[in-house]
Amino acid sequence: MNDIERAALLIAGAKKLVAFTGAGISVESGIPPFRGEGGIWDKYDPQVLEISWFVEHPRESWMVIRDIFYQKFHSKGPNDAHRFLAALERENKIDLLVTQNIDELHYRAGSRKIAEFHGNARQLVCMATGKTIPASAMDLAHMSDDELPPMSPDGGIYKPDFTFFGEDIPLEASHRAKSAARSCDVMLVIGSTGEVYPAAYIPWEAKESGATVIEINPKPSRFTPHTSTFRIAMKAGEACARIAELMDLDIRRESAD
C-alpha cells in the first residue's frame, strides 16, 4: 500500500477528521507564499501589515492591501486541493478546516466549517466603531490611490478583518482550532511550512493527543520530522485529486452556498 492509498483509507475511516492548511495549498492557484524565494515579501515591505504602521500610514498600507488581496488574490481561483476539502465537508466527512490563509480560496471552493486562524479579507472592520461590512460592498480592487483608505460612514478607517502583525489571533478561531485538534483522530496538514506561530502548534496538539497526522507537502516542513506520521511528497492539488478518486469523491461538483 502506498501513501496515497494509506491516506485515503485513513481519511475515509476517520471518526473526526480535521484539516490544517497553509500558503502552500494555494501556490497551484497562482498565489505566491508570503515568505521564501519569490514570495510576497520579496516585493513588498512586511511593515505594511504591521498594525502600528497601518494606523500611522493607512493610505500607503491600503495601496498594498488593495494590490495583493483585492486585485491579485481575487483574480485567482480554487484548485483541486481546495475543492477536495469542500467535497469532504459536503459529504460530512470533515469536522473542521483550520486555515492560516486569508486568500478566500477555501470559502470560494465551498468550505464553511472553517476556523480562519488569521481572520479573512471578506469583511472590513471600522477602526472607530468595530462594526463590520462585507468587503464586496466597496469596489476595493478599482479604488484609486486618492480614494484610499476606505472610510466608514462613522468616520473611521476600514481595515480588512484579518490579523495584522502586532494583533492577537481571533479568540473564537483559536479556541475552535485547538479544541478540534485535541479531539480528532486524523489530521490532514496541507501546504504549511510549520514556521508561523501560534498556528503551527495546532498539528502538534493533534499529534500529542494521539491523532494520525498526514502531511501533504512537496518538500519537508518543520512538521515532517516529529509531528507528521507520514508525508506525501506531492503538490497539494495532485495529491488531493488522487485521494478523492480513491474515495470516489466528486470534487468538481459545486458546493451549496
Foldseek 3Di string as FASTA:
>chain_A
DDPLVVVLVCLVPWPAEEEEEEPLQCVVQVQADCDDPPHPCVPPPLCLLAPVVCVVCVLVSLVVCLVRAVPVLVVTEHFQLLLLVQLCVLVVSHQAYEYCDQSCRNVRQHDDRYLHFFFYQQWKAFPVPRDIDGPVVDNSNPDDSVCPDPADPVGGGIDGGGHGVVDDGPPVSVVVLLVSLLPTQEYEYEHDQLPDPPSSCSLVNNVVNNHAYEYEDLDHHPCDPPRHPHYDNDRSNVSSVSSCVVNVGDSPDGHDD
